Amino acid sequence: MPPLPGAELVQTPLQLYRYLLRCCRQLPEENIRQHYRHTVRQSFRVHADEDSPERIQQIIKRAIEDADWVMNK
């Protein structure tokens, strides 16, 4: 079960970034939201130069799975 509707529509890194920030808004406490927003931004910057389509799809899949785990925690 994806954390928010639309996870199956995420195709690009920018869509993933926006999707994960929307997931952060659903978290219960402000300090937790800030932590995960910071983590999402850092990861986006670290992987910004990724150019392999296969690797990008792996990152997207893993990030959505991780978001699902965090949202269900």
PDB file of N, CA and C in Angstrom:
ATOM      1  N   MET A   1       0.842  -1.177   0.000  1.00  0.00           N
ATOM      2  CA  MET A   1       0.000   0.000   0.000  1.00  0.00           C
ATOM      3  C   MET A   1       0.887   1.240   0.000  1.00  0.00           C
ATOM      4  N   PRO A   2       0.808   2.093  -1.027  1.00  0.00           N
ATOM      5  CA  PRO A   2       1.620   3.305  -1.063  1.00  0.00           C
ATOM      6  C   PRO A   2       1.172   4.297  -0.007  1.00  0.00           C
ATOM      7  N   PRO A   3       2.102   5.126   0.490  1.00  0.00           N
ATOM      8  CA  PRO A   3       1.769   6.090   1.526  1.00  0.00           C
ATOM      9  C   PRO A   3       0.749   7.134   1.083  1.00  0.00           C
ATOM     10  N   LEU A   4       0.776   7.548  -0.152  1.00  0.00           N
ATOM     11  CA  LEU A   4      -0.184   8.506  -0.685  1.00  0.00           C
ATOM     12  C   LEU A   4      -0.617   8.033  -2.068  1.00  0.00           C
ATOM     13  N   PRO A   5      -1.827   8.376  -2.481  1.00  0.00           N
ATOM     14  CA  PRO A   5      -2.226   8.032  -3.847  1.00  0.00           C
ATOM     15  C   PRO A   5      -1.301   8.699  -4.850  1.00  0.00           C
ATOM     16  N   GLY A   6      -1.028   8.005  -5.920  1.00  0.00           N
ATOM     17  CA  GLY A   6      -0.194   8.575  -6.964  1.00  0.00           C
ATOM     18  C   GLY A   6       1.222   8.039  -6.993  1.00  0.00           C
ATOM     19  N   ALA A   7       1.587   7.163  -6.068  1.00  0.00           N
ATOM     20  CA  ALA A   7       2.954   6.626  -6.054  1.00  0.00           C
ATOM     21  C   ALA A   7       3.267   5.900  -7.355  1.00  0.00           C
ATOM     22  N   GLU A   8       2.257   5.247  -7.917  1.00  0.00           N
ATOM     23  CA  GLU A   8       2.472   4.498  -9.163  1.00  0.00           C
ATOM     24  C   GLU A   8       2.701   5.427 -10.357  1.00  0.00           C
ATOM     25  N   LEU A   9       2.397   6.709 -10.214  1.00  0.00           N
ATOM     26  CA  LEU A   9       2.574   7.666 -11.300  1.00  0.00           C
ATOM     27  C   LEU A   9       3.941   8.326 -11.301  1.00  0.00           C
ATOM     28  N   VAL A  10       4.726   8.125 -10.261  1.00  0.00           N
ATOM     29  CA  VAL A  10       6.045   8.760 -10.149  1.00  0.00           C
ATOM     30  C   VAL A  10       6.986   8.140 -11.182  1.00  0.00           C
ATOM     31  N   GLN A  11       7.480   8.967 -12.103  1.00  0.00           N
ATOM     32  CA  GLN A  11       8.352   8.503 -13.179  1.00  0.00           C
ATOM     33  C   GLN A  11       9.712   9.200 -13.203  1.00  0.00           C
ATOM     34  N   THR A  12       9.765  10.435 -12.724  1.00  0.00           N
ATOM     35  CA  THR A  12      10.985  11.224 -12.818  1.00  0.00           C
ATOM     36  C   THR A  12      11.476  11.601 -11.420  1.00  0.00           C
ATOM     37  N   PRO A  13      12.750  11.966 -11.312  1.00  0.00           N
ATOM     38  CA  PRO A  13      13.268  12.392 -10.011  1.00  0.00           C
ATOM     39  C   PRO A  13      12.514  13.596  -9.433  1.00  0.00           C
ATOM     40  N   LEU A  14      12.125  14.540 -10.253  1.00  0.00           N
ATOM     41  CA  LEU A  14      11.388  15.708  -9.762  1.00  0.00           C
ATOM     42  C   LEU A  14      10.013  15.302  -9.231  1.00  0.00           C
ATOM     43  N   GLN A  15       9.346  14.393  -9.920  1.00  0.00           N
ATOM     44  CA  GLN A  15       8.056  13.886  -9.426  1.00  0.00           C
ATOM     45  C   GLN A  15       8.242  13.169  -8.096  1.00  0.00           C
ATOM     46  N   LEU A  16       9.321  12.404  -7.982  1.00  0.00           N
ATOM     47  CA  LEU A  16       9.615  11.704  -6.728  1.00  0.00           C
ATOM     48  C   LEU A  16       9.846  12.708  -5.602  1.00  0.00           C
ATOM     49  N   TYR A  17      10.626  13.729  -5.878  1.00  0.00           N
ATOM     50  CA  TYR A  17      10.929  14.761  -4.886  1.00  0.00           C
ATOM     51  C   TYR A  17       9.642  15.410  -4.366  1.00  0.00           C
ATOM     52  N   ARG A  18       8.777  15.810  -5.266  1.00  0.00           N
ATOM     53  CA  ARG A  18       7.513  16.442  -4.874  1.00  0.00           C
ATOM     54  C   ARG A  18       6.619  15.464  -4.121  1.00  0.00           C
ATOM     55  N   TYR A  19       6.580  14.221  -4.570  1.00  0.00           N
ATOM     56  CA  TYR A  19       5.777  13.186  -3.915  1.00  0.00           C
ATOM     57  C   TYR A  19       6.251  12.973  -2.471  1.00  0.00           C
ATOM     58  N   LEU A  20       7.574  12.880  -2.280  1.00  0.00           N
ATOM     59  CA  LEU A  20       8.107  12.642  -0.937  1.00  0.00           C
ATOM     60  C   LEU A  20       7.864  13.838  -0.014  1.00  0.00           C
ATOM     61  N   LEU A  21       7.955  15.053  -0.539  1.00  0.00           N
ATOM     62  CA  LEU A  21       7.652  16.227   0.282  1.00  0.00           C
ATOM     63  C   LEU A  21       6.174  16.248   0.686  1.00  0.00           C
ATOM     64  N   ARG A  22       5.304  15.792  -0.216  1.00  0.00           N
ATOM     65  CA  ARG A  22       3.879  15.687   0.153  1.00  0.00           C
ATOM     66  C   ARG A  22       3.682  14.633   1.236  1.00  0.00           C
ATOM     67  N   CYS A  23       4.427  13.547   1.169  1.00  0.00           N
ATOM     68  CA  CYS A  23       4.351  12.519   2.214  1.00  0.00           C
ATOM     69  C   CYS A  23       4.770  13.106   3.558  1.00  0.00           C
ATOM     70  N   CYS A  24       5.789  13.945   3.550  1.00  0.00           N
ATOM     71  CA  CYS A  24       6.272  14.550   4.802  1.00  0.00           C
ATOM     72  C   CYS A  24       5.179  15.358   5.487  1.00  0.00           C
ATOM     73  N   ARG A  25       4.316  15.982   4.709  1.00  0.00           N
ATOM     74  CA  ARG A  25       3.226  16.778   5.288  1.00  0.00           C
ATOM     75  C   ARG A  25       2.251  15.928   6.089  1.00  0.00           C
ATOM     76  N   GLN A  26       2.220  14.631   5.817  1.00  0.00           N
ATOM     77  CA  GLN A  26       1.282  13.733   6.496  1.00  0.00           C
ATOM     78  C   GLN A  26       1.803  13.240   7.842  1.00  0.00           C
ATOM     79  N   LEU A  27       3.077  13.497   8.134  1.00  0.00           N
ATOM     80  CA  LEU A  27       3.669  13.007   9.385  1.00  0.00           C
ATOM     81  C   LEU A  27       3.117  13.778  10.577  1.00  0.00           C
ATOM     82  N   PRO A  28       3.032  13.124  11.736  1.00  0.00           N
ATOM     83  CA  PRO A  28       2.299  13.696  12.865  1.00  0.00           C
ATOM     84  C   PRO A  28       2.961  14.863  13.596  1.00  0.00           C
ATOM     85  N   GLU A  29       4.280  14.869  13.716  1.00  0.00           N
ATOM     86  CA  GLU A  29       4.948  15.899  14.528  1.00  0.00           C
ATOM     87  C   GLU A  29       5.864  16.759  13.669  1.00  0.00           C
ATOM     88  N   GLU A  30       5.961  18.037  14.026  1.00  0.00           N
ATOM     89  CA  GLU A  30       6.760  18.992  13.256  1.00  0.00           C
ATOM     90  C   GLU A  30       8.230  18.601  13.187  1.00  0.00           C
ATOM     91  N   ASN A  31       8.813  18.163  14.297  1.00  0.00           N
ATOM     92  CA  ASN A  31      10.239  17.811  14.263  1.00  0.00           C
ATOM     93  C   ASN A  31      10.490  16.597  13.367  1.00  0.00           C
ATOM     94  N   ILE A  32       9.558  15.673  13.306  1.00  0.00           N
ATOM     95  CA  ILE A  32       9.688  14.518  12.409  1.00  0.00           C
ATOM     96  C   ILE A  32       9.560  14.984  10.961  1.00  0.00           C
ATOM     97  N   ARG A  33       8.602  15.883  10.683  1.00  0.00           N
ATOM     98  CA  ARG A  33       8.431  16.423   9.326  1.00  0.00           C
ATOM     99  C   ARG A  33       9.700  17.132   8.875  1.00  0.00           C
ATOM    100  N   GLN A  34      10.282  17.946   9.752  1.00  0.00           N
ATOM    101  CA  GLN A  34      11.511  18.666   9.399  1.00  0.00           C
ATOM    102  C   GLN A  34      12.652  17.703   9.100  1.00  0.00           C
ATOM    103  N   HIS A  35      12.779  16.673   9.915  1.00  0.00           N
ATOM    104  CA  HIS A  35      13.848  15.690   9.713  1.00  0.00           C
ATOM    105  C   HIS A  35      13.732  15.030   8.341  1.00  0.00           C
ATOM    106  N   TYR A  36      12.542  14.541   7.996  1.00  0.00           N
ATOM    107  CA  TYR A  36      12.373  13.845   6.725  1.00  0.00           C
ATOM    108  C   TYR A  36      12.429  14.787   5.527  1.00  0.00           C
ATOM    109  N   ARG A  37      11.959  16.033   5.675  1.00  0.00           N
ATOM    110  CA  ARG A  37      12.113  17.016   4.589  1.00  0.00           C
ATOM    111  C   ARG A  37      13.595  17.254   4.310  1.00  0.00           C
ATOM    112  N   HIS A  38      14.375  17.400   5.370  1.00  0.00           N
ATOM    113  CA  HIS A  38      15.817  17.592   5.213  1.00  0.00           C
ATOM    114  C   HIS A  38      16.447  16.383   4.525  1.00  0.00           C
ATOM    115  N   THR A  39      16.049  15.194   4.936  1.00  0.00           N
ATOM    116  CA  THR A  39      16.581  13.965   4.347  1.00  0.00           C
ATOM    117  C   THR A  39      16.236  13.873   2.866  1.00  0.00           C
ATOM    118  N   VAL A  40      15.007  14.206   2.510  1.00  0.00           N
ATOM    119  CA  VAL A  40      14.579  14.162   1.107  1.00  0.00           C
ATOM    120  C   VAL A  40      15.402  15.142   0.277  1.00  0.00           C
ATOM    121  N   ARG A  41      15.577  16.349   0.779  1.00  0.00           N
ATOM    122  CA  ARG A  41      16.354  17.358   0.042  1.00  0.00           C
ATOM    123  C   ARG A  41      17.808  16.937  -0.134  1.00  0.00           C
ATOM    124  N   GLN A  42      18.403  16.405   0.923  1.00  0.00           N
ATOM    125  CA  GLN A  42      19.797  15.953   0.847  1.00  0.00           C
ATOM    126  C   GLN A  42      19.944  14.834  -0.185  1.00  0.00           C
ATOM    127  N   SER A  43      19.045  13.870  -0.155  1.00  0.00           N
ATOM    128  CA  SER A  43      19.112  12.753  -1.100  1.00  0.00           C
ATOM    129  C   SER A  43      18.940  13.236  -2.534  1.00  0.00           C
ATOM    130  N   PHE A  44      18.046  14.197  -2.732  1.00  0.00           N
ATOM    131  CA  PHE A  44      17.848  14.740  -4.072  1.00  0.00           C
ATOM    132  C   PHE A  44      19.135  15.376  -4.584  1.00  0.00           C
ATOM    133  N   ARG A  45      19.801  16.147  -3.722  1.00  0.00           N
ATOM    134  CA  ARG A  45      21.062  16.787  -4.118  1.00  0.00           C
ATOM    135  C   ARG A  45      22.155  15.760  -4.404  1.00  0.00           C
ATOM    136  N   VAL A  46      22.243  14.740  -3.579  1.00  0.00           N
ATOM    137  CA  VAL A  46      23.285  13.715  -3.740  1.00  0.00           C
ATOM    138  C   VAL A  46      23.118  12.976  -5.069  1.00  0.00           C
ATOM    139  N   HIS A  47      21.877  12.707  -5.449  1.00  0.00           N
ATOM    140  CA  HIS A  47      21.621  11.913  -6.653  1.00  0.00           C
ATOM    141  C   HIS A  47      21.288  12.769  -7.876  1.00  0.00           C
ATOM    142  N   ALA A  48      21.481  14.067  -7.794  1.00  0.00           N
ATOM    143  CA  ALA A  48      21.111  14.974  -8.889  1.00  0.00           C
ATOM    144  C   ALA A  48      21.878  14.687 -10.177  1.00  0.00           C
ATOM    145  N   ASP A  49      23.093  14.168 -10.090  1.00  0.00           N
ATOM    146  CA  ASP A  49      23.893  13.925 -11.294  1.00  0.00           C
ATOM    147  C   ASP A  49      23.722  12.505 -11.841  1.00  0.00           C
ATOM    148  N   GLU A  50      22.815  11.747 -11.299  1.00  0.00           N
ATOM    149  CA  GLU A  50      22.558  10.383 -11.764  1.00  0.00           C
ATOM    150  C   GLU A  50      21.972  10.433 -13.172  1.00  0.00           C
ATOM    151  N   ASP A  51      22.557   9.666 -14.099  1.00  0.00           N
ATOM    152  CA  ASP A  51      22.064   9.715 -15.477  1.00  0.00           C
ATOM    153  C   ASP A  51      21.649   8.352 -16.031  1.00  0.00           C
ATOM    154  N   SER A  52      21.842   7.289 -15.286  1.00  0.00           N
ATOM    155  CA  SER A  52      21.442   5.965 -15.732  1.00  0.00           C
ATOM    156  C   SER A  52      19.948   5.750 -15.481  1.00  0.00           C
ATOM    157  N   PRO A  53      19.164   5.521 -16.542  1.00  0.00           N
ATOM    158  CA  PRO A  53      17.712   5.326 -16.358  1.00  0.00           C
ATOM    159  C   PRO A  53      17.378   4.151 -15.437  1.00  0.00           C
ATOM    160  N   GLU A  54      18.160   3.082 -15.516  1.00  0.00           N
ATOM    161  CA  GLU A  54      17.913   1.931 -14.649  1.00  0.00           C
ATOM    162  C   GLU A  54      18.151   2.291 -13.185  1.00  0.00           C
ATOM    163  N   ARG A  55      19.227   3.005 -12.935  1.00  0.00           N
ATOM    164  CA  ARG A  55      19.556   3.408 -11.561  1.00  0.00           C
ATOM    165  C   ARG A  55      18.504   4.384 -11.030  1.00  0.00           C
ATOM    166  N   ILE A  56      18.044   5.289 -11.864  1.00  0.00           N
ATOM    167  CA  ILE A  56      17.013   6.240 -11.445  1.00  0.00           C
ATOM    168  C   ILE A  56      15.744   5.498 -11.050  1.00  0.00           C
ATOM    169  N   GLN A  57      15.348   4.510 -11.832  1.00  0.00           N
ATOM    170  CA  GLN A  57      14.149   3.733 -11.503  1.00  0.00           C
ATOM    171  C   GLN A  57      14.337   2.947 -10.212  1.00  0.00           C
ATOM    172  N   GLN A  58      15.551   2.431  -9.961  1.00  0.00           N
ATOM    173  CA  GLN A  58      15.835   1.736  -8.703  1.00  0.00           C
ATOM    174  C   GLN A  58      15.687   2.696  -7.518  1.00  0.00           C
ATOM    175  N   ILE A  59      16.229   3.895  -7.671  1.00  0.00           N
ATOM    176  CA  ILE A  59      16.151   4.892  -6.603  1.00  0.00           C
ATOM    177  C   ILE A  59      14.694   5.263  -6.332  1.00  0.00           C
ATOM    178  N   ILE A  60      13.919   5.470  -7.389  1.00  0.00           N
ATOM    179  CA  ILE A  60      12.508   5.823  -7.232  1.00  0.00           C
ATOM    180  C   ILE A  60      11.766   4.711  -6.503  1.00  0.00           C
ATOM    181  N   LYS A  61      11.965   3.476  -6.940  1.00  0.00           N
ATOM    182  CA  LYS A  61      11.276   2.339  -6.313  1.00  0.00           C
ATOM    183  C   LYS A  61      11.629   2.228  -4.839  1.00  0.00           C
ATOM    184  N   ARG A  62      12.911   2.329  -4.533  1.00  0.00           N
ATOM    185  CA  ARG A  62      13.362   2.206  -3.141  1.00  0.00           C
ATOM    186  C   ARG A  62      12.845   3.363  -2.282  1.00  0.00           C
ATOM    187  N   ALA A  63      12.837   4.571  -2.824  1.00  0.00           N
ATOM    188  CA  ALA A  63      12.366   5.728  -2.064  1.00  0.00           C
ATOM    189  C   ALA A  63      10.880   5.605  -1.735  1.00  0.00           C
ATOM    190  N   ILE A  64      10.090   5.107  -2.671  1.00  0.00           N
ATOM    191  CA  ILE A  64       8.660   4.925  -2.415  1.00  0.00           C
ATOM    192  C   ILE A  64       8.450   3.832  -1.365  1.00  0.00           C
ATOM    193  N   GLU A  65       9.229   2.756  -1.436  1.00  0.00           N
ATOM    194  CA  GLU A  65       9.138   1.701  -0.424  1.00  0.00           C
ATOM    195  C   GLU A  65       9.515   2.243   0.951  1.00  0.00           C
ATOM    196  N   ASP A  66      10.570   3.040   1.008  1.00  0.00           N
ATOM    197  CA  ASP A  66      10.997   3.620   2.284  1.00  0.00           C
ATOM    198  C   ASP A  66       9.934   4.590   2.830  1.00  0.00           C
ATOM    199  N   ALA A  67       9.337   5.377   1.935  1.00  0.00           N
ATOM    200  CA  ALA A  67       8.277   6.299   2.371  1.00  0.00           C
ATOM    201  C   ALA A  67       7.094   5.524   2.915  1.00  0.00           C
ATOM    202  N   ASP A  68       6.768   4.423   2.292  1.00  0.00           N
ATOM    203  CA  ASP A  68       5.683   3.562   2.755  1.00  0.00           C
ATOM    204  C   ASP A  68       5.993   3.059   4.169  1.00  0.00           C
ATOM    205  N   TRP A  69       7.216   2.640   4.389  1.00  0.00           N
ATOM    206  CA  TRP A  69       7.625   2.143   5.703  1.00  0.00           C
ATOM    207  C   TRP A  69       7.511   3.237   6.764  1.00  0.00           C
ATOM    208  N   VAL A  70       8.003   4.426   6.442  1.00  0.00           N
ATOM    209  CA  VAL A  70       7.967   5.546   7.386  1.00  0.00           C
ATOM    210  C   VAL A  70       6.511   5.929   7.699  1.00  0.00           C
ATOM    211  N   MET A  71       5.673   5.974   6.681  1.00  0.00           N
ATOM    212  CA  MET A  71       4.282   6.380   6.893  1.00  0.00           C
ATOM    213  C   MET A  71       3.505   5.360   7.728  1.00  0.00           C
ATOM    214  N   ASN A  72       3.880   4.097   7.636  1.00  0.00           N
ATOM    215  CA  ASN A  72       3.177   3.045   8.397  1.00  0.00           C
ATOM    216  C   ASN A  72       3.793   2.785   9.761  1.00  0.00           C
ATOM    217  N   LYS A  73       4.862   3.444  10.074  1.00  0.00           N
ATOM    218  CA  LYS A  73       5.583   3.254  11.346  1.00  0.00           C
ATOM    219  C   LYS A  73       4.819   3.795  12.518  1.00  0.00           C
TER     220      LYS A  73
END
